[in-house]
Protein backbone atom coordinates (compact mmCIF):
# COMPACT_ATOMS: atom_id res chain seq x y z
CA MET A 1 30.42 -82.06 -94.17
CA ASN A 2 33.25 -80.23 -92.54
CA GLU A 3 32.32 -77.18 -90.30
CA ASP A 4 34.48 -74.18 -90.21
CA PRO A 5 36.39 -74.03 -86.90
CA GLU A 6 36.16 -70.24 -86.67
CA LEU A 7 32.41 -70.35 -87.15
CA LEU A 8 32.11 -72.79 -84.26
CA LYS A 9 34.11 -70.45 -81.97
CA GLU A 10 31.76 -67.55 -82.80
CA GLN A 11 28.72 -69.66 -82.05
CA GLU A 12 30.17 -70.59 -78.64
CA LYS A 13 30.76 -66.93 -77.74
CA VAL A 14 27.10 -65.90 -78.38
CA PRO A 15 25.57 -67.92 -75.49
CA GLU A 16 28.31 -66.70 -73.11
CA ALA A 17 27.66 -63.04 -74.03
CA ALA A 18 23.90 -63.48 -73.57
CA GLU A 19 24.43 -65.07 -70.19
CA GLY A 20 26.71 -62.18 -69.10
CA ALA A 21 24.12 -59.62 -70.18
CA ALA A 22 21.41 -61.40 -68.24
CA LEU A 23 23.54 -61.37 -65.15
CA GLU A 24 24.14 -57.62 -65.47
CA THR A 25 20.38 -56.88 -65.60
CA LEU A 26 19.56 -58.84 -62.40
CA PRO A 27 18.78 -56.44 -59.37
CA GLU A 28 21.29 -56.26 -56.64
CA GLU A 29 20.22 -57.86 -53.39
CA THR A 30 19.97 -55.31 -50.46
CA PRO A 31 21.19 -56.55 -47.09
CA ALA A 32 18.55 -57.13 -44.44
CA PRO A 33 18.38 -54.35 -41.79
CA ASP A 34 19.99 -55.02 -38.48
CA PRO A 35 17.38 -55.13 -35.75
CA ALA A 36 19.81 -53.52 -33.32
CA GLU A 37 20.16 -50.48 -35.59
CA GLN A 38 16.44 -49.86 -36.01
CA ASP A 39 14.79 -47.07 -33.95
CA ILE A 40 12.51 -48.49 -31.33
CA PRO A 41 9.63 -46.11 -30.56
CA SER A 42 9.40 -45.03 -26.95
CA GLU A 43 6.66 -46.58 -24.93
CA GLY A 44 6.01 -43.48 -22.68
CA PRO A 45 6.90 -43.15 -19.01
CA GLY A 46 7.62 -46.32 -17.22
CA LYS A 47 5.70 -47.65 -14.29
CA GLU A 48 8.15 -46.14 -11.80
CA GLU A 49 7.68 -42.63 -13.23
CA GLN A 50 3.93 -43.05 -13.20
CA GLN A 51 4.02 -44.15 -9.60
CA ALA A 52 6.18 -41.13 -8.66
CA GLU A 53 3.83 -38.65 -10.40
CA ALA A 54 0.68 -40.14 -8.87
CA PRO A 55 1.29 -38.71 -5.33
CA LYS A 56 1.99 -35.25 -6.82
CA ALA A 57 -1.28 -35.25 -8.68
CA SER A 58 -3.21 -36.35 -5.63
CA ALA A 59 -1.44 -33.68 -3.52
CA LYS A 60 -2.57 -30.96 -5.98
CA LYS A 61 -6.11 -32.19 -5.72
CA LYS A 62 -5.92 -32.06 -1.95
CA LYS A 63 -4.62 -28.45 -2.01
CA LYS A 64 -7.55 -27.28 -4.04
CA LYS A 65 -10.00 -28.56 -1.49
CA ARG A 66 -10.32 -26.09 1.44
CA SER A 67 -12.67 -26.58 4.30
CA ALA A 68 -15.03 -23.94 5.66
CA LYS A 69 -12.89 -23.83 8.78
CA SER A 70 -9.78 -22.82 6.85
CA TYR A 71 -11.74 -20.11 5.01
CA ALA A 72 -13.04 -18.79 8.33
CA ILE A 73 -9.54 -18.71 9.88
CA SER A 74 -8.18 -16.91 6.83
CA LEU A 75 -11.00 -14.37 6.98
CA PHE A 76 -10.47 -13.69 10.65
CA ILE A 77 -6.75 -13.22 10.15
CA LYS A 78 -7.38 -10.66 7.37
CA ILE A 79 -9.94 -8.83 9.50
CA GLY A 80 -7.51 -8.79 12.44
CA ILE A 81 -4.65 -7.36 10.35
CA THR A 82 -6.95 -4.69 8.87
CA ALA A 83 -8.21 -3.75 12.33
CA LEU A 84 -4.64 -3.51 13.65
CA ILE A 85 -3.61 -1.21 10.76
CA ILE A 86 -6.65 1.04 11.34
CA TRP A 87 -5.95 1.15 15.10
CA ALA A 88 -2.30 2.13 14.55
CA LEU A 89 -3.34 4.75 11.99
CA LEU A 90 -5.90 6.36 14.31
CA THR A 91 -3.65 6.08 17.35
CA PHE A 92 -0.33 7.42 16.07
CA ILE A 93 -0.94 9.24 12.76
CA VAL A 94 -4.38 10.77 12.29
CA GLY A 95 -7.37 11.67 14.44
CA ILE A 96 -11.06 12.18 13.72
CA HIS A 97 -12.98 14.74 15.77
CA ILE A 98 -16.36 16.49 15.63
CA SER A 99 -16.66 20.09 16.77
CA HIS A 100 -19.50 20.70 19.22
CA THR A 101 -18.98 24.46 19.55
CA ASN A 102 -18.33 27.53 17.40
CA ALA A 103 -15.03 28.34 19.17
CA ALA A 104 -13.12 27.86 15.88
CA PHE A 105 -15.70 29.72 13.75
CA PRO A 106 -15.52 30.53 10.81
CA MET A 107 -12.99 27.80 9.92
CA VAL A 108 -14.71 25.11 11.94
CA LYS A 109 -18.42 25.23 12.71
CA ASP A 110 -20.55 23.39 15.19
CA GLY A 111 -21.09 19.84 13.93
CA ASP A 112 -18.20 19.78 11.44
CA LEU A 113 -16.05 16.71 11.19
CA CYS A 114 -12.32 17.34 11.32
CA ILE A 115 -9.28 15.18 10.53
CA THR A 116 -6.02 15.95 12.32
CA TYR A 117 -2.40 14.97 11.58
CA LYS A 118 -0.64 13.97 14.78
CA LEU A 119 2.90 13.94 13.37
CA ALA A 120 2.82 17.55 12.13
CA LYS A 121 5.36 20.01 13.46
CA LEU A 122 3.53 22.70 15.39
CA GLU A 123 3.77 26.23 14.06
CA ALA A 124 2.23 29.56 14.89
CA GLY A 125 -1.10 29.93 13.13
CA ASP A 126 -1.97 26.22 13.08
CA GLU A 127 -5.55 25.28 13.93
CA ILE A 128 -5.23 22.44 16.42
CA VAL A 129 -7.27 20.02 18.46
CA TYR A 130 -6.22 19.74 22.10
CA LYS A 131 -7.41 18.35 25.39
CA LYS A 132 -8.30 20.46 28.40
CA ASP A 133 -9.81 18.90 31.53
CA GLY A 134 -10.64 15.74 29.54
CA GLU A 135 -12.59 17.73 26.89
CA ILE A 136 -11.67 18.05 23.22
CA ARG A 137 -11.24 21.68 22.12
CA PHE A 138 -10.33 23.58 18.98
CA GLY A 139 -8.01 26.57 18.89
CA ARG A 140 -5.24 28.43 17.03
CA ILE A 141 -1.63 28.58 18.13
CA ILE A 142 -0.48 32.15 18.84
CA ALA A 143 2.80 31.68 20.69
CA PHE A 144 5.23 29.10 22.06
CA GLY A 145 7.22 28.61 25.27
CA GLY A 146 9.44 31.65 25.98
CA ASP A 147 7.27 34.08 23.95
CA THR A 148 5.59 37.06 25.61
CA VAL A 149 1.94 37.68 24.69
CA LYS A 150 0.20 40.94 25.22
CA ILE A 151 -3.41 41.88 24.48
CA ASP A 152 -4.17 45.57 24.55
CA ASN A 153 -7.15 47.38 22.97
CA ASN A 154 -8.33 44.14 21.31
CA THR A 155 -4.90 43.77 19.59
CA VAL A 156 -2.61 40.77 20.14
CA THR A 157 1.16 41.23 20.14
CA VAL A 158 3.83 38.50 20.46
CA ASN A 159 7.28 39.67 21.53
CA ASN A 160 6.14 43.22 20.81
CA TYR A 161 5.10 42.35 17.24
CA VAL A 162 1.46 42.59 16.19
CA SER A 163 -0.03 39.14 15.54
CA ASN A 164 -2.57 39.11 12.72
CA ILE A 165 -2.85 35.35 12.46
CA ASP A 166 -6.24 34.69 10.87
CA THR A 167 -7.76 37.50 12.89
CA VAL A 168 -11.42 38.02 11.99
CA TYR A 169 -12.81 39.30 15.27
CA PRO A 170 -11.35 41.69 17.87
CA THR A 171 -9.68 40.06 20.89
CA PRO A 172 -11.17 41.27 24.17
CA THR A 173 -9.66 40.63 27.60
CA GLU A 174 -12.72 41.29 29.77
CA GLY A 175 -13.26 38.12 31.76
CA ALA A 176 -9.68 36.85 31.31
CA LYS A 177 -8.19 35.10 34.33
CA ILE A 178 -4.53 35.81 33.45
CA SER A 179 -2.73 39.09 33.40
CA PHE A 180 -0.86 40.57 30.45
CA PRO A 181 1.85 40.70 29.32
CA TYR A 182 1.96 36.91 29.74
CA LYS A 183 5.13 34.87 29.28
CA VAL A 184 4.42 31.41 27.88
CA PRO A 185 6.06 28.65 30.00
CA LYS A 186 8.49 26.22 28.40
CA ASP A 187 6.95 23.31 26.41
CA LYS A 188 3.57 25.04 26.35
CA ILE A 189 1.61 26.95 23.73
CA PHE A 190 -0.73 29.95 23.91
CA VAL A 191 -4.03 29.22 22.16
CA LEU A 192 -6.86 31.56 21.16
CA ASN A 193 -10.24 30.75 19.71
CA ASP A 194 -10.91 32.03 16.17
CA TYR A 195 -14.19 33.33 17.52
CA ARG A 196 -12.42 35.73 19.91
CA LYS A 197 -15.57 36.69 21.82
CA ASP A 198 -15.39 33.21 23.33
CA LEU A 199 -12.75 33.61 26.03
CA ASN A 200 -12.69 29.89 26.88
CA ASP A 201 -9.04 29.60 25.78
CA SER A 202 -5.59 30.52 27.08
CA ARG A 203 -7.00 33.88 28.28
CA ARG A 204 -8.76 31.91 31.05
CA PHE A 205 -6.75 28.77 31.71
CA GLY A 206 -3.31 29.87 30.54
CA ALA A 207 -0.96 28.02 28.22
CA VAL A 208 -1.59 24.47 27.04
CA PRO A 209 1.04 21.72 27.36
CA GLU A 210 2.28 20.58 23.95
CA GLU A 211 1.73 16.99 24.97
CA ASP A 212 -2.05 17.69 25.16
CA VAL A 213 -2.20 18.58 21.47
CA GLU A 214 -4.14 15.94 19.52
CA GLY A 215 -2.97 17.14 16.13
CA VAL A 216 -3.17 19.83 13.47
CA VAL A 217 -6.43 20.17 11.56
CA ILE A 218 -5.79 19.21 7.91
CA PHE A 219 -9.34 18.53 6.64
CA VAL A 220 -12.80 19.82 7.53
CA MET A 221 -16.05 18.28 6.35
CA ARG A 222 -19.07 20.52 6.83
CA LYS A 223 -22.00 19.21 8.74
CA ARG A 224 -24.22 19.61 5.67
CA GLY A 225 -21.81 17.32 3.76
CA ILE A 226 -22.05 14.44 6.24
């Protein structure tokens, strides 16, 4: 039986087509990753870094530990600095005084605590603390060097002008040891007590050197408030 040649050709093409389709459906092979291109996770700081950080950590621990001796030294240094500041303050800037008389009455009474300012510029009318014969006294500035003071009929005049500086009481001259009119020497001040009946002021011992002034009274604490 003779087979048709064209039919045989068609039958040969069918297996080839099937084989080609099978090849097309096969998955493509992916290349294996290159180990050199893969990310290698970090393993943390190396031994050298750890060794370098170890002394720092130990140094911090040592700083936190302070001995009782170091605390004591630090405390004494702070106390010394504080004492030095207080000393400088009380020596050059302010003064603390207690009145033991009524010479400055009614402003300052016996037993009152007063704070003075040593750097204040002296002016007429200032209530001051001054030294006389080693004793602390209170008084009010009436005149300065070059001024002429006169007390007549219980009235005080300075350079022929009536002085009414905080005058509460009349100003007598009975018992005074200086004569009026009185010219105040240079670099000195004429001081009167506010309680004018007490003549223990410039009426008896004359003008007071400015260098003997301890300061101007800026604060008064009453005895009952202490």
